[in-house]
Amino acid sequence: MRPRCRVVKGGRRPGRICAVSAEQLAVDPVAAARRVLGATLRGRGVSATIVEVEAYGGVPDGPWPDAAAHSYRGPNGRNAVMFGPPGRLYTYRSHGIHVCANVACGPDGTAAAVLLRAAVIEDGVETAVSRRGAAVRPAGLARGPGNLCSALGITMADNGVDLFDPDSPVRLELGDTVAAVSGPRVGISQAADRPWRLWLAGLPEVSAYRRSPRAPAPGASD
């Protein structure tokens, strides 16, 4: 069954917004990342288009073993969201400071997630600026996973919320699949060569690639 869609004629990226269920994300992490890329994320007065994502898998004996994933060593407290139903928000702190957000994907019980790396603010720019600071340039408001969460008011308290529940404080609306560029994920030391980062080409909101100094030389990792 094809999802019901409405045509969006205005804004910076006209197209179709589809009323789909979280089951559309019950697929492998790279396929889920492609579906999340270009989607609309709404959070506390701000609406944004996702323009950069990273796919993450799970445990060694699962279908998508991924040593770079928080779920690699199994469920433990907060990362249990990655093992739960698709379409839930998984939040964590990077370096103990910045809140980062992921969309759980894959079948219920199988760990996988899509990290939201960057977005273009479409509505609620003034609110995003008030959260990020007046000195931040428009292209940098939601560039980088910590900045994205800050701009949309996503906090650690949002861990586990259903992104497809119309009453949730943070919501995700999937649209048509968009053409993506792919490359290695940013700043990880394990599985550093996998082309599991996807982004929309030519946008200043997409973050720069930085390889972890702890990662093997290019070509020496999976």
N, C-alpha and C. Protein backbone atom coordinates (compact mmCIF):
# COMPACT_ATOMS: atom_id res chain seq x y z
N MET A 1 0.85 -1.19 0.00
CA MET A 1 0.00 0.00 0.00
C MET A 1 0.88 1.24 0.00
N ARG A 2 0.65 2.16 -0.91
CA ARG A 2 1.42 3.39 -0.98
C ARG A 2 0.95 4.34 0.11
N PRO A 3 1.87 5.07 0.76
CA PRO A 3 1.46 6.00 1.80
C PRO A 3 0.69 7.18 1.22
N ARG A 4 -0.22 7.74 2.03
CA ARG A 4 -0.96 8.93 1.63
C ARG A 4 -0.05 10.13 1.74
N CYS A 5 -0.03 10.96 0.70
CA CYS A 5 0.87 12.11 0.68
C CYS A 5 0.11 13.38 0.38
N ARG A 6 0.67 14.50 0.85
CA ARG A 6 0.13 15.80 0.48
C ARG A 6 1.24 16.59 -0.20
N VAL A 7 0.86 17.37 -1.20
CA VAL A 7 1.83 18.16 -1.96
C VAL A 7 2.16 19.43 -1.19
N VAL A 8 3.45 19.73 -1.08
CA VAL A 8 3.93 20.95 -0.45
C VAL A 8 4.50 21.83 -1.55
N LYS A 9 3.84 22.97 -1.81
CA LYS A 9 4.25 23.83 -2.92
C LYS A 9 5.18 24.95 -2.50
N GLY A 10 5.11 25.37 -1.26
CA GLY A 10 5.94 26.48 -0.79
C GLY A 10 7.20 25.99 -0.13
N GLY A 11 7.94 26.92 0.47
CA GLY A 11 9.14 26.56 1.21
C GLY A 11 10.34 26.39 0.30
N ARG A 12 11.46 26.08 0.90
CA ARG A 12 12.71 25.96 0.16
C ARG A 12 12.81 24.64 -0.58
N ARG A 13 12.06 23.62 -0.10
CA ARG A 13 12.11 22.30 -0.74
C ARG A 13 10.72 21.76 -0.96
N PRO A 14 10.02 22.27 -1.98
CA PRO A 14 8.67 21.73 -2.25
C PRO A 14 8.75 20.26 -2.63
N GLY A 15 7.66 19.55 -2.38
CA GLY A 15 7.62 18.14 -2.70
C GLY A 15 6.41 17.51 -2.07
N ARG A 16 6.56 16.29 -1.58
CA ARG A 16 5.44 15.58 -0.96
C ARG A 16 5.82 15.17 0.45
N ILE A 17 4.88 15.36 1.38
CA ILE A 17 5.02 14.86 2.74
C ILE A 17 4.04 13.70 2.87
N CYS A 18 4.54 12.55 3.28
CA CYS A 18 3.74 11.34 3.30
C CYS A 18 3.39 10.93 4.73
N ALA A 19 2.12 10.60 4.93
CA ALA A 19 1.67 10.12 6.22
C ALA A 19 1.94 8.63 6.30
N VAL A 20 3.10 8.28 6.81
CA VAL A 20 3.49 6.88 6.87
C VAL A 20 3.70 6.48 8.33
N SER A 21 3.72 5.21 8.56
CA SER A 21 3.94 4.71 9.91
C SER A 21 5.41 4.43 10.12
N ALA A 22 5.76 4.18 11.37
CA ALA A 22 7.14 3.87 11.70
C ALA A 22 7.59 2.57 11.05
N GLU A 23 6.67 1.73 10.62
CA GLU A 23 7.05 0.47 9.98
C GLU A 23 7.82 0.70 8.69
N GLN A 24 7.73 1.89 8.12
CA GLN A 24 8.53 2.21 6.94
C GLN A 24 10.03 2.18 7.26
N LEU A 25 10.38 2.25 8.56
CA LEU A 25 11.77 2.24 8.99
C LEU A 25 12.21 0.88 9.52
N ALA A 26 11.36 -0.13 9.41
CA ALA A 26 11.69 -1.47 9.89
C ALA A 26 12.51 -2.21 8.83
N VAL A 27 13.62 -1.59 8.44
CA VAL A 27 14.49 -2.09 7.37
C VAL A 27 15.93 -1.98 7.84
N ASP A 28 16.88 -2.38 7.00
CA ASP A 28 18.28 -2.28 7.38
C ASP A 28 18.68 -0.81 7.57
N PRO A 29 19.72 -0.53 8.35
CA PRO A 29 20.02 0.86 8.72
C PRO A 29 20.34 1.78 7.55
N VAL A 30 20.99 1.27 6.51
CA VAL A 30 21.30 2.13 5.37
C VAL A 30 20.03 2.49 4.61
N ALA A 31 19.14 1.52 4.41
CA ALA A 31 17.87 1.79 3.75
C ALA A 31 17.05 2.77 4.58
N ALA A 32 17.08 2.61 5.91
CA ALA A 32 16.35 3.54 6.77
C ALA A 32 16.95 4.95 6.68
N ALA A 33 18.28 5.02 6.61
CA ALA A 33 18.92 6.33 6.50
C ALA A 33 18.50 7.04 5.22
N ARG A 34 18.36 6.29 4.14
CA ARG A 34 17.92 6.89 2.88
C ARG A 34 16.49 7.42 2.99
N ARG A 35 15.67 6.76 3.81
CA ARG A 35 14.29 7.22 3.98
C ARG A 35 14.22 8.44 4.89
N VAL A 36 15.12 8.50 5.87
CA VAL A 36 15.12 9.65 6.79
C VAL A 36 15.71 10.89 6.12
N LEU A 37 16.69 10.70 5.25
CA LEU A 37 17.30 11.83 4.55
C LEU A 37 16.23 12.57 3.73
N GLY A 38 16.13 13.87 3.91
CA GLY A 38 15.13 14.67 3.23
C GLY A 38 13.81 14.77 3.95
N ALA A 39 13.67 14.05 5.08
CA ALA A 39 12.44 14.10 5.86
C ALA A 39 12.34 15.40 6.63
N THR A 40 11.15 15.69 7.12
CA THR A 40 10.91 16.88 7.93
C THR A 40 10.90 16.50 9.40
N LEU A 41 11.69 17.22 10.18
CA LEU A 41 11.74 17.02 11.62
C LEU A 41 11.17 18.26 12.29
N ARG A 42 10.23 18.05 13.21
CA ARG A 42 9.60 19.16 13.92
C ARG A 42 9.85 19.01 15.41
N GLY A 43 10.32 20.10 16.02
CA GLY A 43 10.57 20.05 17.45
C GLY A 43 10.42 21.40 18.11
N ARG A 44 9.40 21.53 18.95
CA ARG A 44 9.22 22.70 19.82
C ARG A 44 9.35 24.03 19.08
N GLY A 45 8.50 24.20 18.09
CA GLY A 45 8.41 25.47 17.37
C GLY A 45 9.35 25.63 16.20
N VAL A 46 10.12 24.59 15.87
CA VAL A 46 11.05 24.66 14.75
C VAL A 46 10.81 23.48 13.82
N SER A 47 10.85 23.75 12.52
CA SER A 47 10.72 22.71 11.50
C SER A 47 11.97 22.72 10.64
N ALA A 48 12.50 21.52 10.34
CA ALA A 48 13.75 21.44 9.59
C ALA A 48 13.73 20.26 8.63
N THR A 49 14.50 20.38 7.55
CA THR A 49 14.69 19.30 6.60
C THR A 49 16.02 18.60 6.89
N ILE A 50 15.98 17.30 7.08
CA ILE A 50 17.19 16.53 7.37
C ILE A 50 18.03 16.41 6.10
N VAL A 51 19.29 16.87 6.16
CA VAL A 51 20.14 16.87 4.98
C VAL A 51 21.41 16.03 5.14
N GLU A 52 21.61 15.46 6.33
CA GLU A 52 22.77 14.60 6.54
C GLU A 52 22.46 13.60 7.65
N VAL A 53 22.77 12.34 7.40
CA VAL A 53 22.49 11.28 8.38
C VAL A 53 23.63 10.27 8.37
N GLU A 54 23.67 9.43 9.40
CA GLU A 54 24.59 8.30 9.45
C GLU A 54 23.84 7.07 9.92
N ALA A 55 24.12 5.94 9.30
CA ALA A 55 23.49 4.67 9.67
C ALA A 55 24.38 3.94 10.67
N TYR A 56 23.73 3.28 11.65
CA TYR A 56 24.46 2.48 12.63
C TYR A 56 23.73 1.16 12.83
N GLY A 57 24.51 0.09 12.95
CA GLY A 57 23.95 -1.24 13.11
C GLY A 57 23.88 -1.67 14.56
N GLY A 58 24.29 -2.94 14.82
CA GLY A 58 24.09 -3.46 16.16
C GLY A 58 25.14 -4.47 16.59
N VAL A 59 24.66 -5.52 17.24
CA VAL A 59 25.51 -6.49 17.94
C VAL A 59 26.26 -7.40 16.96
N PRO A 60 27.35 -8.02 17.43
CA PRO A 60 28.18 -8.86 16.54
C PRO A 60 27.43 -10.01 15.89
N ASP A 61 26.45 -10.59 16.59
CA ASP A 61 25.73 -11.73 16.01
C ASP A 61 24.40 -11.33 15.38
N GLY A 62 24.21 -10.04 15.19
CA GLY A 62 22.98 -9.55 14.56
C GLY A 62 23.14 -9.45 13.06
N PRO A 63 22.10 -8.98 12.36
CA PRO A 63 22.16 -8.90 10.90
C PRO A 63 23.08 -7.79 10.39
N TRP A 64 23.36 -6.77 11.26
CA TRP A 64 24.19 -5.65 10.81
C TRP A 64 25.24 -5.34 11.89
N PRO A 65 26.21 -6.23 12.12
CA PRO A 65 27.22 -5.98 13.14
C PRO A 65 27.96 -4.67 12.87
N ASP A 66 28.14 -3.88 13.93
CA ASP A 66 28.73 -2.55 13.74
C ASP A 66 29.46 -2.16 15.02
N ALA A 67 30.78 -2.26 15.00
CA ALA A 67 31.58 -1.96 16.18
C ALA A 67 31.53 -0.49 16.57
N ALA A 68 31.07 0.38 15.67
CA ALA A 68 30.97 1.80 15.97
C ALA A 68 29.65 2.16 16.65
N ALA A 69 28.71 1.23 16.71
CA ALA A 69 27.38 1.52 17.25
C ALA A 69 27.35 1.40 18.77
N HIS A 70 26.55 2.25 19.40
CA HIS A 70 26.37 2.17 20.85
C HIS A 70 25.77 0.84 21.27
N SER A 71 25.09 0.19 20.37
CA SER A 71 24.40 -1.07 20.69
C SER A 71 25.28 -2.30 20.51
N TYR A 72 26.53 -2.12 20.10
CA TYR A 72 27.37 -3.25 19.71
C TYR A 72 27.55 -4.27 20.83
N ARG A 73 27.64 -3.80 22.07
CA ARG A 73 27.86 -4.71 23.20
C ARG A 73 26.55 -5.13 23.88
N GLY A 74 25.44 -4.86 23.24
CA GLY A 74 24.16 -5.27 23.78
C GLY A 74 23.44 -4.14 24.51
N PRO A 75 22.18 -4.37 24.88
CA PRO A 75 21.40 -3.32 25.53
C PRO A 75 21.88 -3.06 26.95
N ASN A 76 21.95 -1.78 27.32
CA ASN A 76 22.30 -1.40 28.69
C ASN A 76 21.72 -0.02 28.99
N GLY A 77 20.55 0.01 29.58
CA GLY A 77 19.95 1.27 29.96
C GLY A 77 19.44 2.05 28.76
N ARG A 78 20.01 3.25 28.55
CA ARG A 78 19.46 4.17 27.57
C ARG A 78 19.50 3.62 26.15
N ASN A 79 20.54 2.88 25.78
CA ASN A 79 20.63 2.42 24.39
C ASN A 79 19.59 1.35 24.07
N ALA A 80 18.78 0.93 25.06
CA ALA A 80 17.72 -0.04 24.80
C ALA A 80 16.76 0.45 23.74
N VAL A 81 16.65 1.77 23.56
CA VAL A 81 15.78 2.32 22.52
C VAL A 81 16.20 1.81 21.15
N MET A 82 17.49 1.61 20.94
CA MET A 82 17.98 1.12 19.65
C MET A 82 17.49 -0.30 19.36
N PHE A 83 17.13 -1.04 20.40
CA PHE A 83 16.65 -2.42 20.24
C PHE A 83 15.12 -2.49 20.15
N GLY A 84 14.48 -1.35 20.33
CA GLY A 84 13.02 -1.34 20.39
C GLY A 84 12.36 -1.09 19.05
N PRO A 85 11.11 -0.67 19.08
CA PRO A 85 10.37 -0.46 17.83
C PRO A 85 11.00 0.63 16.97
N PRO A 86 10.90 0.54 15.67
CA PRO A 86 11.41 1.61 14.80
C PRO A 86 10.59 2.88 14.99
N GLY A 87 11.23 4.00 14.70
CA GLY A 87 10.54 5.28 14.79
C GLY A 87 10.60 5.94 16.14
N ARG A 88 11.35 5.36 17.09
CA ARG A 88 11.55 5.98 18.40
C ARG A 88 12.83 6.80 18.38
N LEU A 89 12.86 7.85 19.21
CA LEU A 89 14.02 8.72 19.28
C LEU A 89 15.00 8.21 20.33
N TYR A 90 16.24 8.03 19.93
CA TYR A 90 17.31 7.63 20.84
C TYR A 90 18.25 8.82 21.02
N THR A 91 18.38 9.32 22.25
CA THR A 91 19.24 10.46 22.52
C THR A 91 20.42 10.04 23.40
N TYR A 92 21.53 10.71 23.22
CA TYR A 92 22.71 10.49 24.06
C TYR A 92 23.53 11.77 24.07
N ARG A 93 24.47 11.84 25.00
CA ARG A 93 25.36 13.00 25.07
C ARG A 93 26.71 12.66 24.46
N SER A 94 27.14 13.49 23.53
CA SER A 94 28.45 13.35 22.92
C SER A 94 29.48 14.05 23.81
N HIS A 95 30.52 13.31 24.21
CA HIS A 95 31.55 13.84 25.11
C HIS A 95 30.95 14.35 26.41
N GLY A 96 29.78 13.83 26.77
CA GLY A 96 29.14 14.23 28.00
C GLY A 96 28.53 15.61 27.97
N ILE A 97 28.48 16.25 26.80
CA ILE A 97 28.03 17.64 26.71
C ILE A 97 26.85 17.80 25.76
N HIS A 98 27.04 17.47 24.49
CA HIS A 98 26.06 17.79 23.45
C HIS A 98 25.05 16.66 23.29
N VAL A 99 23.78 17.01 23.29
CA VAL A 99 22.73 16.02 23.05
C VAL A 99 22.68 15.71 21.56
N CYS A 100 22.66 14.42 21.21
CA CYS A 100 22.55 13.97 19.82
C CYS A 100 21.33 13.08 19.69
N ALA A 101 20.72 13.07 18.51
CA ALA A 101 19.47 12.35 18.31
C ALA A 101 19.59 11.34 17.18
N ASN A 102 19.00 10.17 17.40
CA ASN A 102 18.95 9.10 16.41
C ASN A 102 17.52 8.62 16.26
N VAL A 103 17.22 8.08 15.11
CA VAL A 103 15.94 7.44 14.85
C VAL A 103 16.15 5.93 14.86
N ALA A 104 15.52 5.23 15.79
CA ALA A 104 15.64 3.78 15.83
C ALA A 104 15.01 3.19 14.57
N CYS A 105 15.65 2.15 14.03
CA CYS A 105 15.14 1.52 12.82
C CYS A 105 15.34 0.02 12.93
N GLY A 106 14.99 -0.69 11.87
CA GLY A 106 15.05 -2.14 11.89
C GLY A 106 13.86 -2.73 12.61
N PRO A 107 13.64 -4.03 12.51
CA PRO A 107 12.52 -4.68 13.19
C PRO A 107 12.66 -4.55 14.70
N ASP A 108 11.53 -4.55 15.39
CA ASP A 108 11.51 -4.50 16.85
C ASP A 108 12.35 -5.65 17.41
N GLY A 109 13.29 -5.32 18.31
CA GLY A 109 14.16 -6.32 18.89
C GLY A 109 15.52 -6.42 18.24
N THR A 110 15.71 -5.75 17.10
CA THR A 110 16.99 -5.77 16.38
C THR A 110 17.58 -4.37 16.41
N ALA A 111 18.79 -4.23 16.93
CA ALA A 111 19.37 -2.91 17.13
C ALA A 111 19.85 -2.28 15.83
N ALA A 112 19.46 -1.02 15.62
CA ALA A 112 19.93 -0.20 14.52
C ALA A 112 19.36 1.20 14.72
N ALA A 113 20.03 2.19 14.15
CA ALA A 113 19.55 3.57 14.29
C ALA A 113 20.17 4.44 13.22
N VAL A 114 19.54 5.60 13.02
CA VAL A 114 20.02 6.61 12.07
C VAL A 114 20.32 7.88 12.85
N LEU A 115 21.58 8.28 12.86
CA LEU A 115 21.97 9.53 13.52
C LEU A 115 21.59 10.71 12.64
N LEU A 116 20.95 11.72 13.24
CA LEU A 116 20.60 12.95 12.54
C LEU A 116 21.77 13.91 12.66
N ARG A 117 22.49 14.11 11.56
CA ARG A 117 23.73 14.89 11.61
C ARG A 117 23.54 16.36 11.29
N ALA A 118 22.64 16.68 10.38
CA ALA A 118 22.49 18.09 10.00
C ALA A 118 21.12 18.31 9.36
N ALA A 119 20.67 19.57 9.45
CA ALA A 119 19.35 19.91 8.90
C ALA A 119 19.35 21.38 8.46
N VAL A 120 18.42 21.68 7.59
CA VAL A 120 18.15 23.06 7.17
C VAL A 120 16.90 23.53 7.90
N ILE A 121 16.99 24.62 8.62
CA ILE A 121 15.84 25.17 9.33
C ILE A 121 14.90 25.81 8.31
N GLU A 122 13.67 25.33 8.28
CA GLU A 122 12.69 25.84 7.32
C GLU A 122 11.72 26.83 7.98
N ASP A 123 11.25 26.53 9.17
CA ASP A 123 10.34 27.39 9.91
C ASP A 123 10.83 27.49 11.34
N GLY A 124 10.50 28.63 11.98
CA GLY A 124 10.93 28.84 13.35
C GLY A 124 12.38 29.25 13.47
N VAL A 125 12.87 29.98 12.45
CA VAL A 125 14.28 30.39 12.45
C VAL A 125 14.60 31.23 13.68
N GLU A 126 13.71 32.16 14.04
CA GLU A 126 13.98 33.02 15.19
C GLU A 126 14.11 32.20 16.47
N THR A 127 13.28 31.17 16.61
CA THR A 127 13.38 30.30 17.78
C THR A 127 14.71 29.55 17.79
N ALA A 128 15.11 29.04 16.62
CA ALA A 128 16.38 28.34 16.52
C ALA A 128 17.55 29.26 16.86
N VAL A 129 17.49 30.50 16.37
CA VAL A 129 18.55 31.47 16.66
C VAL A 129 18.62 31.77 18.16
N SER A 130 17.44 31.88 18.80
CA SER A 130 17.43 32.16 20.24
C SER A 130 18.08 31.03 21.03
N ARG A 131 18.01 29.83 20.51
CA ARG A 131 18.62 28.68 21.19
C ARG A 131 20.10 28.54 20.88
N ARG A 132 20.49 28.91 19.67
CA ARG A 132 21.87 28.70 19.23
C ARG A 132 22.74 29.94 19.39
N GLY A 133 22.13 31.12 19.40
CA GLY A 133 22.90 32.35 19.53
C GLY A 133 22.89 33.16 18.25
N ALA A 134 22.81 34.48 18.41
CA ALA A 134 22.69 35.38 17.25
C ALA A 134 23.94 35.38 16.38
N ALA A 135 25.07 34.99 16.91
CA ALA A 135 26.30 35.02 16.12
C ALA A 135 26.42 33.84 15.15
N VAL A 136 25.56 32.83 15.30
CA VAL A 136 25.63 31.65 14.43
C VAL A 136 25.02 31.98 13.07
N ARG A 137 25.72 31.66 12.01
CA ARG A 137 25.22 31.90 10.66
C ARG A 137 24.07 30.94 10.36
N PRO A 138 23.14 31.34 9.49
CA PRO A 138 21.97 30.48 9.21
C PRO A 138 22.34 29.06 8.81
N ALA A 139 23.37 28.89 8.00
CA ALA A 139 23.75 27.54 7.55
C ALA A 139 24.27 26.68 8.69
N GLY A 140 24.70 27.31 9.78
CA GLY A 140 25.27 26.56 10.89
C GLY A 140 24.30 26.29 12.03
N LEU A 141 23.06 26.73 11.89
CA LEU A 141 22.12 26.58 13.00
C LEU A 141 21.91 25.13 13.40
N ALA A 142 21.82 24.23 12.43
CA ALA A 142 21.59 22.81 12.73
C ALA A 142 22.61 21.93 12.02
N ARG A 143 23.82 22.44 11.85
CA ARG A 143 24.89 21.67 11.22
C ARG A 143 25.70 20.98 12.32
N GLY A 144 25.67 19.67 12.30
CA GLY A 144 26.28 18.89 13.38
C GLY A 144 25.18 18.37 14.30
N PRO A 145 25.30 17.13 14.78
CA PRO A 145 24.21 16.53 15.55
C PRO A 145 23.87 17.27 16.84
N GLY A 146 24.88 17.82 17.55
CA GLY A 146 24.59 18.57 18.76
C GLY A 146 23.88 19.87 18.46
N ASN A 147 24.30 20.56 17.42
CA ASN A 147 23.66 21.82 17.04
C ASN A 147 22.23 21.59 16.56
N LEU A 148 22.01 20.49 15.86
CA LEU A 148 20.66 20.15 15.39
C LEU A 148 19.72 20.01 16.59
N CYS A 149 20.14 19.28 17.60
CA CYS A 149 19.28 19.08 18.77
C CYS A 149 19.05 20.39 19.51
N SER A 150 20.09 21.20 19.61
CA SER A 150 19.94 22.48 20.28
C SER A 150 18.94 23.37 19.56
N ALA A 151 19.04 23.44 18.23
CA ALA A 151 18.16 24.30 17.45
C ALA A 151 16.70 23.88 17.55
N LEU A 152 16.45 22.57 17.63
CA LEU A 152 15.08 22.07 17.69
C LEU A 152 14.60 21.81 19.12
N GLY A 153 15.40 22.15 20.10
CA GLY A 153 14.98 21.98 21.48
C GLY A 153 14.88 20.55 21.93
N ILE A 154 15.64 19.64 21.31
CA ILE A 154 15.63 18.22 21.69
C ILE A 154 16.54 18.03 22.89
N THR A 155 16.05 17.35 23.93
CA THR A 155 16.80 17.14 25.15
C THR A 155 16.91 15.65 25.45
N MET A 156 17.66 15.34 26.49
CA MET A 156 17.79 13.95 26.92
C MET A 156 16.46 13.38 27.38
N ALA A 157 15.57 14.24 27.83
CA ALA A 157 14.25 13.78 28.28
C ALA A 157 13.42 13.23 27.14
N ASP A 158 13.81 13.50 25.88
CA ASP A 158 13.07 13.02 24.73
C ASP A 158 13.44 11.59 24.34
N ASN A 159 14.36 10.99 25.06
CA ASN A 159 14.75 9.62 24.74
C ASN A 159 13.54 8.69 24.78
N GLY A 160 13.32 7.96 23.69
CA GLY A 160 12.24 6.99 23.62
C GLY A 160 10.92 7.50 23.08
N VAL A 161 10.80 8.80 22.77
CA VAL A 161 9.52 9.31 22.27
C VAL A 161 9.22 8.72 20.90
N ASP A 162 7.95 8.56 20.60
CA ASP A 162 7.50 8.04 19.32
C ASP A 162 7.44 9.19 18.32
N LEU A 163 8.32 9.18 17.34
CA LEU A 163 8.40 10.27 16.37
C LEU A 163 7.21 10.33 15.43
N PHE A 164 6.38 9.29 15.42
CA PHE A 164 5.23 9.26 14.53
C PHE A 164 3.92 9.48 15.30
N ASP A 165 4.00 9.78 16.57
CA ASP A 165 2.83 10.12 17.38
C ASP A 165 2.56 11.61 17.21
N PRO A 166 1.37 12.00 16.74
CA PRO A 166 1.10 13.43 16.52
C PRO A 166 1.17 14.26 17.79
N ASP A 167 1.12 13.64 18.95
CA ASP A 167 1.20 14.37 20.21
C ASP A 167 2.62 14.45 20.77
N SER A 168 3.59 13.86 20.09
CA SER A 168 4.96 13.89 20.57
C SER A 168 5.56 15.29 20.42
N PRO A 169 6.47 15.68 21.32
CA PRO A 169 7.11 16.99 21.21
C PRO A 169 8.09 17.07 20.04
N VAL A 170 8.55 15.91 19.56
CA VAL A 170 9.43 15.83 18.39
C VAL A 170 8.80 14.85 17.41
N ARG A 171 8.65 15.26 16.15
CA ARG A 171 7.95 14.42 15.18
C ARG A 171 8.75 14.36 13.87
N LEU A 172 8.56 13.26 13.17
CA LEU A 172 9.25 13.04 11.90
C LEU A 172 8.23 12.76 10.81
N GLU A 173 8.38 13.41 9.67
CA GLU A 173 7.50 13.21 8.52
C GLU A 173 8.36 12.78 7.34
N LEU A 174 8.19 11.55 6.90
CA LEU A 174 8.97 11.04 5.79
C LEU A 174 8.39 11.52 4.46
N GLY A 175 9.26 11.81 3.52
CA GLY A 175 8.83 12.21 2.19
C GLY A 175 9.34 11.26 1.14
N ASP A 176 9.41 11.71 -0.09
CA ASP A 176 9.96 10.90 -1.16
C ASP A 176 11.45 10.66 -0.94
N THR A 177 11.95 9.53 -1.42
CA THR A 177 13.38 9.26 -1.37
C THR A 177 14.11 10.26 -2.25
N VAL A 178 15.23 10.78 -1.76
CA VAL A 178 15.99 11.79 -2.49
C VAL A 178 17.35 11.24 -2.89
N ALA A 179 17.95 11.84 -3.90
CA ALA A 179 19.29 11.43 -4.34
C ALA A 179 20.30 11.80 -3.27
N ALA A 180 21.18 10.88 -2.93
CA ALA A 180 22.12 11.09 -1.83
C ALA A 180 23.55 10.82 -2.27
N VAL A 181 24.46 11.50 -1.60
CA VAL A 181 25.89 11.22 -1.70
C VAL A 181 26.25 10.40 -0.47
N SER A 182 27.20 9.47 -0.60
CA SER A 182 27.57 8.64 0.53
C SER A 182 29.08 8.65 0.74
N GLY A 183 29.47 8.42 1.99
CA GLY A 183 30.88 8.37 2.33
C GLY A 183 31.06 7.86 3.75
N PRO A 184 32.30 7.80 4.25
CA PRO A 184 32.54 7.29 5.60
C PRO A 184 31.89 8.16 6.67
N ARG A 185 31.60 7.54 7.79
CA ARG A 185 31.03 8.26 8.92
C ARG A 185 32.09 9.14 9.58
N VAL A 186 31.61 10.15 10.30
CA VAL A 186 32.50 11.18 10.85
C VAL A 186 33.00 10.78 12.24
N GLY A 187 34.31 10.91 12.46
CA GLY A 187 34.89 10.87 13.79
C GLY A 187 34.84 9.56 14.53
N ILE A 188 34.69 8.43 13.84
CA ILE A 188 34.63 7.15 14.54
C ILE A 188 35.92 6.36 14.27
N SER A 189 36.31 5.53 15.23
CA SER A 189 37.55 4.79 15.11
C SER A 189 37.34 3.34 14.68
N GLN A 190 36.10 2.83 14.78
CA GLN A 190 35.77 1.47 14.38
C GLN A 190 34.88 1.51 13.13
N ALA A 191 35.06 0.52 12.25
CA ALA A 191 34.26 0.47 11.01
C ALA A 191 34.28 1.84 10.32
N ALA A 192 35.47 2.42 10.23
CA ALA A 192 35.61 3.81 9.81
C ALA A 192 35.49 4.03 8.31
N ASP A 193 35.55 2.96 7.52
CA ASP A 193 35.51 3.13 6.06
C ASP A 193 34.14 2.84 5.45
N ARG A 194 33.20 2.39 6.24
CA ARG A 194 31.89 2.09 5.67
C ARG A 194 31.24 3.37 5.13
N PRO A 195 30.69 3.34 3.93
CA PRO A 195 30.03 4.53 3.37
C PRO A 195 28.62 4.68 3.92
N TRP A 196 28.51 4.79 5.23
CA TRP A 196 27.20 4.82 5.89
C TRP A 196 26.78 6.22 6.30
N ARG A 197 27.50 7.22 5.83
CA ARG A 197 27.04 8.61 5.98
C ARG A 197 26.42 9.03 4.66
N LEU A 198 25.23 9.59 4.71
CA LEU A 198 24.50 10.04 3.51
C LEU A 198 24.16 11.51 3.66
N TRP A 199 24.25 12.24 2.56
CA TRP A 199 23.92 13.66 2.63
C TRP A 199 23.44 14.16 1.27
N LEU A 200 22.82 15.33 1.30
CA LEU A 200 22.37 15.99 0.08
C LEU A 200 23.51 16.87 -0.43
N ALA A 201 23.82 16.74 -1.70
CA ALA A 201 24.98 17.43 -2.27
C ALA A 201 24.76 18.93 -2.37
N GLY A 202 25.87 19.67 -2.22
CA GLY A 202 25.88 21.09 -2.51
C GLY A 202 25.27 22.00 -1.48
N LEU A 203 25.03 21.51 -0.27
CA LEU A 203 24.39 22.33 0.75
C LEU A 203 25.41 22.74 1.82
N PRO A 204 25.45 24.03 2.19
CA PRO A 204 26.40 24.47 3.21
C PRO A 204 26.05 23.96 4.60
N GLU A 205 24.82 23.47 4.78
CA GLU A 205 24.42 22.96 6.09
C GLU A 205 25.04 21.59 6.41
N VAL A 206 25.55 20.90 5.41
CA VAL A 206 26.16 19.58 5.62
C VAL A 206 27.53 19.77 6.29
N SER A 207 27.81 18.95 7.28
CA SER A 207 29.06 19.09 8.03
C SER A 207 30.25 18.57 7.22
N ALA A 208 31.43 19.05 7.59
CA ALA A 208 32.66 18.60 6.93
C ALA A 208 33.06 17.23 7.46
N TYR A 209 33.69 16.43 6.60
CA TYR A 209 34.16 15.11 7.03
C TYR A 209 35.45 15.24 7.81
N ARG A 210 35.47 14.62 8.98
CA ARG A 210 36.69 14.56 9.80
C ARG A 210 36.89 13.12 10.24
N ARG A 211 38.03 12.58 9.88
CA ARG A 211 38.34 11.20 10.27
C ARG A 211 38.96 11.20 11.66
N SER A 212 38.57 10.24 12.48
CA SER A 212 39.12 10.14 13.82
C SER A 212 40.62 9.83 13.74
N PRO A 213 41.45 10.49 14.56
CA PRO A 213 42.88 10.16 14.56
C PRO A 213 43.15 8.77 15.10
N ARG A 214 42.15 8.17 15.74
CA ARG A 214 42.31 6.80 16.27
C ARG A 214 41.89 5.74 15.26
N ALA A 215 41.34 6.17 14.13
CA ALA A 215 40.90 5.21 13.10
C ALA A 215 42.09 4.68 12.32
N PRO A 216 42.00 3.45 11.81
CA PRO A 216 43.06 2.93 10.94
C PRO A 216 43.19 3.79 9.69
N ALA A 217 44.28 3.64 8.99
CA ALA A 217 44.46 4.36 7.74
C ALA A 217 43.34 4.02 6.78
N PRO A 218 42.93 4.98 5.93
CA PRO A 218 41.87 4.67 4.97
C PRO A 218 42.15 3.42 4.17
N GLY A 219 41.14 2.56 4.09
CA GLY A 219 41.29 1.28 3.41
C GLY A 219 41.67 0.14 4.32
N ALA A 220 42.00 0.45 5.58
CA ALA A 220 42.41 -0.60 6.52
C ALA A 220 41.30 -0.95 7.50
N SER A 221 40.13 -0.37 7.31
CA SER A 221 38.99 -0.63 8.18
C SER A 221 37.85 -1.17 7.33
N ASP A 222 36.79 -1.66 7.98
CA ASP A 222 35.66 -2.15 7.19
C ASP A 222 34.68 -1.03 6.93
